[in-house]
Amino acid sequence: MHLLGFFIFPFFGFGFVLYFLPTIVALMRERHDRLSIFLLNFFLGWSGIGWIICLVWACKSERIVYVQAPQRN
């Protein structure tokens, strides 16, 4: 019985890490919206589309655009 647990535990552990991979990527990249990525991953990650959307969102770069006000003479 212990031998069966030895082989089953890594399978489920790997599945857990794979399921939450978008959340892990968001945490590693220190995304400001990591809670939103986690919630979307938690609730819609079971569908393939939801998981892919979360992964793309987590990998997307955060671009900050600075807009300078026009100069008045």
PDB file of N, CA and C in Angstrom:
ATOM      1  N   MET A   1       0.821  -1.197   0.000  1.00  0.00           N
ATOM      2  CA  MET A   1       0.000   0.000   0.000  1.00  0.00           C
ATOM      3  C   MET A   1       0.862   1.257   0.000  1.00  0.00           C
ATOM      4  N   HIS A   2       1.979   1.235   0.701  1.00  0.00           N
ATOM      5  CA  HIS A   2       2.845   2.401   0.732  1.00  0.00           C
ATOM      6  C   HIS A   2       3.497   2.652  -0.625  1.00  0.00           C
ATOM      7  N   LEU A   3       3.735   1.594  -1.349  1.00  0.00           N
ATOM      8  CA  LEU A   3       4.327   1.723  -2.674  1.00  0.00           C
ATOM      9  C   LEU A   3       3.351   2.418  -3.628  1.00  0.00           C
ATOM     10  N   LEU A   4       2.057   2.136  -3.487  1.00  0.00           N
ATOM     11  CA  LEU A   4       1.055   2.785  -4.312  1.00  0.00           C
ATOM     12  C   LEU A   4       1.015   4.289  -4.027  1.00  0.00           C
ATOM     13  N   GLY A   5       1.085   4.678  -2.764  1.00  0.00           N
ATOM     14  CA  GLY A   5       1.125   6.092  -2.398  1.00  0.00           C
ATOM     15  C   GLY A   5       2.379   6.779  -2.902  1.00  0.00           C
ATOM     16  N   PHE A   6       3.455   6.043  -2.981  1.00  0.00           N
ATOM     17  CA  PHE A   6       4.719   6.591  -3.481  1.00  0.00           C
ATOM     18  C   PHE A   6       4.608   7.010  -4.945  1.00  0.00           C
ATOM     19  N   PHE A   7       3.812   6.296  -5.713  1.00  0.00           N
ATOM     20  CA  PHE A   7       3.650   6.614  -7.125  1.00  0.00           C
ATOM     21  C   PHE A   7       2.491   7.567  -7.395  1.00  0.00           C
ATOM     22  N   ILE A   8       1.459   7.537  -6.579  1.00  0.00           N
ATOM     23  CA  ILE A   8       0.288   8.385  -6.809  1.00  0.00           C
ATOM     24  C   ILE A   8       0.523   9.815  -6.341  1.00  0.00           C
ATOM     25  N   PHE A   9       1.205  10.013  -5.232  1.00  0.00           N
ATOM     26  CA  PHE A   9       1.397  11.364  -4.696  1.00  0.00           C
ATOM     27  C   PHE A   9       2.111  12.297  -5.671  1.00  0.00           C
ATOM     28  N   PRO A  10       3.208  11.906  -6.308  1.00  0.00           N
ATOM     29  CA  PRO A  10       3.839  12.821  -7.269  1.00  0.00           C
ATOM     30  C   PRO A  10       2.938  13.153  -8.454  1.00  0.00           C
ATOM     31  N   PHE A  11       2.094  12.211  -8.849  1.00  0.00           N
ATOM     32  CA  PHE A  11       1.192  12.472  -9.963  1.00  0.00           C
ATOM     33  C   PHE A  11       0.222  13.588  -9.620  1.00  0.00           C
ATOM     34  N   PHE A  12      -0.399  13.524  -8.426  1.00  0.00           N
ATOM     35  CA  PHE A  12      -1.332  14.562  -8.024  1.00  0.00           C
ATOM     36  C   PHE A  12      -0.614  15.856  -7.683  1.00  0.00           C
ATOM     37  N   GLY A  13       0.574  15.764  -7.115  1.00  0.00           N
ATOM     38  CA  GLY A  13       1.346  16.975  -6.828  1.00  0.00           C
ATOM     39  C   GLY A  13       1.735  17.702  -8.093  1.00  0.00           C
ATOM     40  N   PHE A  14       2.131  16.958  -9.119  1.00  0.00           N
ATOM     41  CA  PHE A  14       2.473  17.556 -10.405  1.00  0.00           C
ATOM     42  C   PHE A  14       1.238  18.167 -11.055  1.00  0.00           C
ATOM     43  N   GLY A  15       0.093  17.503 -10.926  1.00  0.00           N
ATOM     44  CA  GLY A  15      -1.153  18.039 -11.467  1.00  0.00           C
ATOM     45  C   GLY A  15      -1.556  19.333 -10.789  1.00  0.00           C
ATOM     46  N   PHE A  16      -1.362  19.409  -9.470  1.00  0.00           N
ATOM     47  CA  PHE A  16      -1.663  20.628  -8.722  1.00  0.00           C
ATOM     48  C   PHE A  16      -0.792  21.781  -9.193  1.00  0.00           C
ATOM     49  N   VAL A  17       0.496  21.529  -9.372  1.00  0.00           N
ATOM     50  CA  VAL A  17       1.419  22.571  -9.838  1.00  0.00           C
ATOM     51  C   VAL A  17       1.076  22.977 -11.265  1.00  0.00           C
ATOM     52  N   LEU A  18       0.750  22.024 -12.108  1.00  0.00           N
ATOM     53  CA  LEU A  18       0.398  22.328 -13.496  1.00  0.00           C
ATOM     54  C   LEU A  18      -0.896  23.128 -13.574  1.00  0.00           C
ATOM     55  N   TYR A  19      -1.889  22.782 -12.749  1.00  0.00           N
ATOM     56  CA  TYR A  19      -3.162  23.502 -12.750  1.00  0.00           C
ATOM     57  C   TYR A  19      -2.969  24.962 -12.343  1.00  0.00           C
ATOM     58  N   PHE A  20      -2.138  25.213 -11.339  1.00  0.00           N
ATOM     59  CA  PHE A  20      -1.921  26.570 -10.850  1.00  0.00           C
ATOM     60  C   PHE A  20      -0.668  27.209 -11.438  1.00  0.00           C
ATOM     61  N   LEU A  21      -0.184  26.717 -12.555  1.00  0.00           N
ATOM     62  CA  LEU A  21       0.984  27.301 -13.207  1.00  0.00           C
ATOM     63  C   LEU A  21       0.801  28.775 -13.547  1.00  0.00           C
ATOM     64  N   PRO A  22      -0.346  29.220 -14.081  1.00  0.00           N
ATOM     65  CA  PRO A  22      -0.509  30.657 -14.335  1.00  0.00           C
ATOM     66  C   PRO A  22      -0.393  31.508 -13.062  1.00  0.00           C
ATOM     67  N   THR A  23      -0.927  31.007 -11.964  1.00  0.00           N
ATOM     68  CA  THR A  23      -0.822  31.732 -10.696  1.00  0.00           C
ATOM     69  C   THR A  23       0.620  31.772 -10.221  1.00  0.00           C
ATOM     70  N   ILE A  24       1.336  30.685 -10.367  1.00  0.00           N
ATOM     71  CA  ILE A  24       2.743  30.641  -9.956  1.00  0.00           C
ATOM     72  C   ILE A  24       3.568  31.603 -10.798  1.00  0.00           C
ATOM     73  N   VAL A  25       3.300  31.646 -12.099  1.00  0.00           N
ATOM     74  CA  VAL A  25       4.014  32.580 -12.985  1.00  0.00           C
ATOM     75  C   VAL A  25       3.716  34.019 -12.575  1.00  0.00           C
ATOM     76  N   ALA A  26       2.455  34.317 -12.262  1.00  0.00           N
ATOM     77  CA  ALA A  26       2.087  35.672 -11.839  1.00  0.00           C
ATOM     78  C   ALA A  26       2.783  36.055 -10.535  1.00  0.00           C
ATOM     79  N   LEU A  27       2.902  35.115  -9.615  1.00  0.00           N
ATOM     80  CA  LEU A  27       3.594  35.391  -8.356  1.00  0.00           C
ATOM     81  C   LEU A  27       5.083  35.617  -8.578  1.00  0.00           C
ATOM     82  N   MET A  28       5.686  34.818  -9.444  1.00  0.00           N
ATOM     83  CA  MET A  28       7.122  34.954  -9.708  1.00  0.00           C
ATOM     84  C   MET A  28       7.439  36.258 -10.434  1.00  0.00           C
ATOM     85  N   ARG A  29       6.520  36.714 -11.281  1.00  0.00           N
ATOM     86  CA  ARG A  29       6.746  37.950 -12.030  1.00  0.00           C
ATOM     87  C   ARG A  29       6.272  39.179 -11.260  1.00  0.00           C
ATOM     88  N   GLU A  30       5.721  38.969 -10.049  1.00  0.00           N
ATOM     89  CA  GLU A  30       5.243  40.033  -9.165  1.00  0.00           C
ATOM     90  C   GLU A  30       4.236  40.941  -9.864  1.00  0.00           C
ATOM     91  N   ARG A  31       3.242  40.307 -10.470  1.00  0.00           N
ATOM     92  CA  ARG A  31       2.180  41.043 -11.149  1.00  0.00           C
ATOM     93  C   ARG A  31       1.312  41.757 -10.128  1.00  0.00           C
ATOM     94  N   HIS A  32       0.853  42.955 -10.478  1.00  0.00           N
ATOM     95  CA  HIS A  32       0.010  43.701  -9.546  1.00  0.00           C
ATOM     96  C   HIS A  32      -1.405  43.117  -9.480  1.00  0.00           C
ATOM     97  N   ASP A  33      -1.824  42.371 -10.486  1.00  0.00           N
ATOM     98  CA  ASP A  33      -3.157  41.776 -10.525  1.00  0.00           C
ATOM     99  C   ASP A  33      -3.125  40.269 -10.299  1.00  0.00           C
ATOM    100  N   ARG A  34      -2.209  39.802  -9.473  1.00  0.00           N
ATOM    101  CA  ARG A  34      -2.055  38.374  -9.253  1.00  0.00           C
ATOM    102  C   ARG A  34      -3.262  37.752  -8.550  1.00  0.00           C
ATOM    103  N   LEU A  35      -3.976  38.517  -7.741  1.00  0.00           N
ATOM    104  CA  LEU A  35      -5.181  37.979  -7.107  1.00  0.00           C
ATOM    105  C   LEU A  35      -6.254  37.699  -8.149  1.00  0.00           C
ATOM    106  N   SER A  36      -6.404  38.582  -9.110  1.00  0.00           N
ATOM    107  CA  SER A  36      -7.385  38.362 -10.185  1.00  0.00           C
ATOM    108  C   SER A  36      -7.004  37.147 -11.024  1.00  0.00           C
ATOM    109  N   ILE A  37      -5.720  36.998 -11.299  1.00  0.00           N
ATOM    110  CA  ILE A  37      -5.260  35.837 -12.059  1.00  0.00           C
ATOM    111  C   ILE A  37      -5.523  34.556 -11.270  1.00  0.00           C
ATOM    112  N   PHE A  38      -5.262  34.589  -9.971  1.00  0.00           N
ATOM    113  CA  PHE A  38      -5.525  33.417  -9.137  1.00  0.00           C
ATOM    114  C   PHE A  38      -7.005  33.052  -9.135  1.00  0.00           C
ATOM    115  N   LEU A  39      -7.878  34.043  -8.967  1.00  0.00           N
ATOM    116  CA  LEU A  39      -9.310  33.756  -8.908  1.00  0.00           C
ATOM    117  C   LEU A  39      -9.828  33.208 -10.234  1.00  0.00           C
ATOM    118  N   LEU A  40      -9.386  33.798 -11.335  1.00  0.00           N
ATOM    119  CA  LEU A  40      -9.794  33.286 -12.640  1.00  0.00           C
ATOM    120  C   LEU A  40      -9.257  31.876 -12.851  1.00  0.00           C
ATOM    121  N   ASN A  41      -8.023  31.645 -12.444  1.00  0.00           N
ATOM    122  CA  ASN A  41      -7.419  30.317 -12.564  1.00  0.00           C
ATOM    123  C   ASN A  41      -8.147  29.308 -11.674  1.00  0.00           C
ATOM    124  N   PHE A  42      -8.519  29.716 -10.481  1.00  0.00           N
ATOM    125  CA  PHE A  42      -9.203  28.822  -9.545  1.00  0.00           C
ATOM    126  C   PHE A  42     -10.579  28.407 -10.050  1.00  0.00           C
ATOM    127  N   PHE A  43     -11.341  29.386 -10.576  1.00  0.00           N
ATOM    128  CA  PHE A  43     -12.711  29.104 -10.971  1.00  0.00           C
ATOM    129  C   PHE A  43     -12.853  28.632 -12.419  1.00  0.00           C
ATOM    130  N   LEU A  44     -12.007  29.100 -13.326  1.00  0.00           N
ATOM    131  CA  LEU A  44     -12.152  28.733 -14.732  1.00  0.00           C
ATOM    132  C   LEU A  44     -10.957  27.985 -15.295  1.00  0.00           C
ATOM    133  N   GLY A  45      -9.996  27.649 -14.455  1.00  0.00           N
ATOM    134  CA  GLY A  45      -8.817  26.941 -14.933  1.00  0.00           C
ATOM    135  C   GLY A  45      -9.095  25.523 -15.391  1.00  0.00           C
ATOM    136  N   TRP A  46     -10.219  24.952 -14.950  1.00  0.00           N
ATOM    137  CA  TRP A  46     -10.568  23.586 -15.346  1.00  0.00           C
ATOM    138  C   TRP A  46     -10.851  23.498 -16.830  1.00  0.00           C
ATOM    139  N   SER A  47     -11.318  24.620 -17.416  1.00  0.00           N
ATOM    140  CA  SER A  47     -11.534  24.604 -18.864  1.00  0.00           C
ATOM    141  C   SER A  47     -10.212  24.964 -19.531  1.00  0.00           C
ATOM    142  N   GLY A  48      -9.967  24.426 -20.657  1.00  0.00           N
ATOM    143  CA  GLY A  48      -8.706  24.699 -21.347  1.00  0.00           C
ATOM    144  C   GLY A  48      -8.561  26.167 -21.711  1.00  0.00           C
ATOM    145  N   ILE A  49      -9.650  26.795 -22.130  1.00  0.00           N
ATOM    146  CA  ILE A  49      -9.611  28.200 -22.526  1.00  0.00           C
ATOM    147  C   ILE A  49      -9.299  29.082 -21.319  1.00  0.00           C
ATOM    148  N   GLY A  50      -9.931  28.817 -20.189  1.00  0.00           N
ATOM    149  CA  GLY A  50      -9.681  29.613 -18.984  1.00  0.00           C
ATOM    150  C   GLY A  50      -8.235  29.511 -18.529  1.00  0.00           C
ATOM    151  N   TRP A  51      -7.668  28.316 -18.615  1.00  0.00           N
ATOM    152  CA  TRP A  51      -6.278  28.111 -18.207  1.00  0.00           C
ATOM    153  C   TRP A  51      -5.325  28.856 -19.143  1.00  0.00           C
ATOM    154  N   ILE A  52      -5.588  28.791 -20.434  1.00  0.00           N
ATOM    155  CA  ILE A  52      -4.734  29.481 -21.404  1.00  0.00           C
ATOM    156  C   ILE A  52      -4.835  30.987 -21.239  1.00  0.00           C
ATOM    157  N   ILE A  53      -6.040  31.507 -21.009  1.00  0.00           N
ATOM    158  CA  ILE A  53      -6.205  32.947 -20.790  1.00  0.00           C
ATOM    159  C   ILE A  53      -5.417  33.388 -19.560  1.00  0.00           C
ATOM    160  N   CYS A  54      -5.482  32.599 -18.487  1.00  0.00           N
ATOM    161  CA  CYS A  54      -4.730  32.935 -17.275  1.00  0.00           C
ATOM    162  C   CYS A  54      -3.226  32.919 -17.531  1.00  0.00           C
ATOM    163  N   LEU A  55      -2.762  31.939 -18.275  1.00  0.00           N
ATOM    164  CA  LEU A  55      -1.331  31.838 -18.546  1.00  0.00           C
ATOM    165  C   LEU A  55      -0.850  33.007 -19.403  1.00  0.00           C
ATOM    166  N   VAL A  56      -1.622  33.369 -20.422  1.00  0.00           N
ATOM    167  CA  VAL A  56      -1.250  34.513 -21.266  1.00  0.00           C
ATOM    168  C   VAL A  56      -1.269  35.792 -20.450  1.00  0.00           C
ATOM    169  N   TRP A  57      -2.280  35.957 -19.609  1.00  0.00           N
ATOM    170  CA  TRP A  57      -2.394  37.150 -18.773  1.00  0.00           C
ATOM    171  C   TRP A  57      -1.214  37.237 -17.796  1.00  0.00           C
ATOM    172  N   ALA A  58      -0.806  36.114 -17.242  1.00  0.00           N
ATOM    173  CA  ALA A  58       0.313  36.099 -16.301  1.00  0.00           C
ATOM    174  C   ALA A  58       1.642  36.389 -16.995  1.00  0.00           C
ATOM    175  N   CYS A  59       1.772  35.958 -18.251  1.00  0.00           N
ATOM    176  CA  CYS A  59       3.034  36.148 -18.982  1.00  0.00           C
ATOM    177  C   CYS A  59       3.116  37.501 -19.686  1.00  0.00           C
ATOM    178  N   LYS A  60       1.993  38.160 -19.836  1.00  0.00           N
ATOM    179  CA  LYS A  60       1.955  39.438 -20.531  1.00  0.00           C
ATOM    180  C   LYS A  60       2.762  40.477 -19.760  1.00  0.00           C
ATOM    181  N   SER A  61       3.505  41.294 -20.487  1.00  0.00           N
ATOM    182  CA  SER A  61       4.310  42.309 -19.814  1.00  0.00           C
ATOM    183  C   SER A  61       3.433  43.484 -19.428  1.00  0.00           C
ATOM    184  N   GLU A  62       3.787  44.087 -18.312  1.00  0.00           N
ATOM    185  CA  GLU A  62       3.068  45.273 -17.859  1.00  0.00           C
ATOM    186  C   GLU A  62       3.787  46.496 -18.404  1.00  0.00           C
ATOM    187  N   ARG A  63       3.148  47.149 -19.313  1.00  0.00           N
ATOM    188  CA  ARG A  63       3.750  48.345 -19.895  1.00  0.00           C
ATOM    189  C   ARG A  63       3.138  49.569 -19.243  1.00  0.00           C
ATOM    190  N   ILE A  64       3.989  50.443 -18.825  1.00  0.00           N
ATOM    191  CA  ILE A  64       3.544  51.693 -18.230  1.00  0.00           C
ATOM    192  C   ILE A  64       3.782  52.782 -19.259  1.00  0.00           C
ATOM    193  N   VAL A  65       2.730  53.475 -19.608  1.00  0.00           N
ATOM    194  CA  VAL A  65       2.815  54.528 -20.606  1.00  0.00           C
ATOM    195  C   VAL A  65       2.699  55.856 -19.886  1.00  0.00           C
ATOM    196  N   TYR A  66       3.681  56.694 -20.058  1.00  0.00           N
ATOM    197  CA  TYR A  66       3.682  58.022 -19.472  1.00  0.00           C
ATOM    198  C   TYR A  66       3.256  59.017 -20.543  1.00  0.00           C
ATOM    199  N   VAL A  67       2.258  59.804 -20.243  1.00  0.00           N
ATOM    200  CA  VAL A  67       1.758  60.802 -21.165  1.00  0.00           C
ATOM    201  C   VAL A  67       2.102  62.165 -20.611  1.00  0.00           C
ATOM    202  N   GLN A  68       2.788  62.936 -21.423  1.00  0.00           N
ATOM    203  CA  GLN A  68       3.165  64.269 -20.995  1.00  0.00           C
ATOM    204  C   GLN A  68       2.129  65.257 -21.500  1.00  0.00           C
ATOM    205  N   ALA A  69       1.700  66.141 -20.617  1.00  0.00           N
ATOM    206  CA  ALA A  69       0.714  67.147 -20.996  1.00  0.00           C
ATOM    207  C   ALA A  69       1.349  68.110 -21.993  1.00  0.00           C
ATOM    208  N   PRO A  70       0.564  68.603 -22.944  1.00  0.00           N
ATOM    209  CA  PRO A  70       1.106  69.550 -23.925  1.00  0.00           C
ATOM    210  C   PRO A  70       1.555  70.849 -23.258  1.00  0.00           C
ATOM    211  N   GLN A  71       2.603  71.408 -23.778  1.00  0.00           N
ATOM    212  CA  GLN A  71       3.157  72.665 -23.243  1.00  0.00           C
ATOM    213  C   GLN A  71       2.296  73.834 -23.714  1.00  0.00           C
ATOM    214  N   ARG A  72       1.982  74.702 -22.805  1.00  0.00           N
ATOM    215  CA  ARG A  72       1.214  75.914 -23.156  1.00  0.00           C
ATOM    216  C   ARG A  72       2.148  77.109 -23.124  1.00  0.00           C
ATOM    217  N   ASN A  73       2.080  77.921 -24.147  1.00  0.00           N
ATOM    218  CA  ASN A  73       2.948  79.110 -24.211  1.00  0.00           C
ATOM    219  C   ASN A  73       2.245  80.356 -23.765  1.00  0.00           C
TER     220      ASN A  73
END
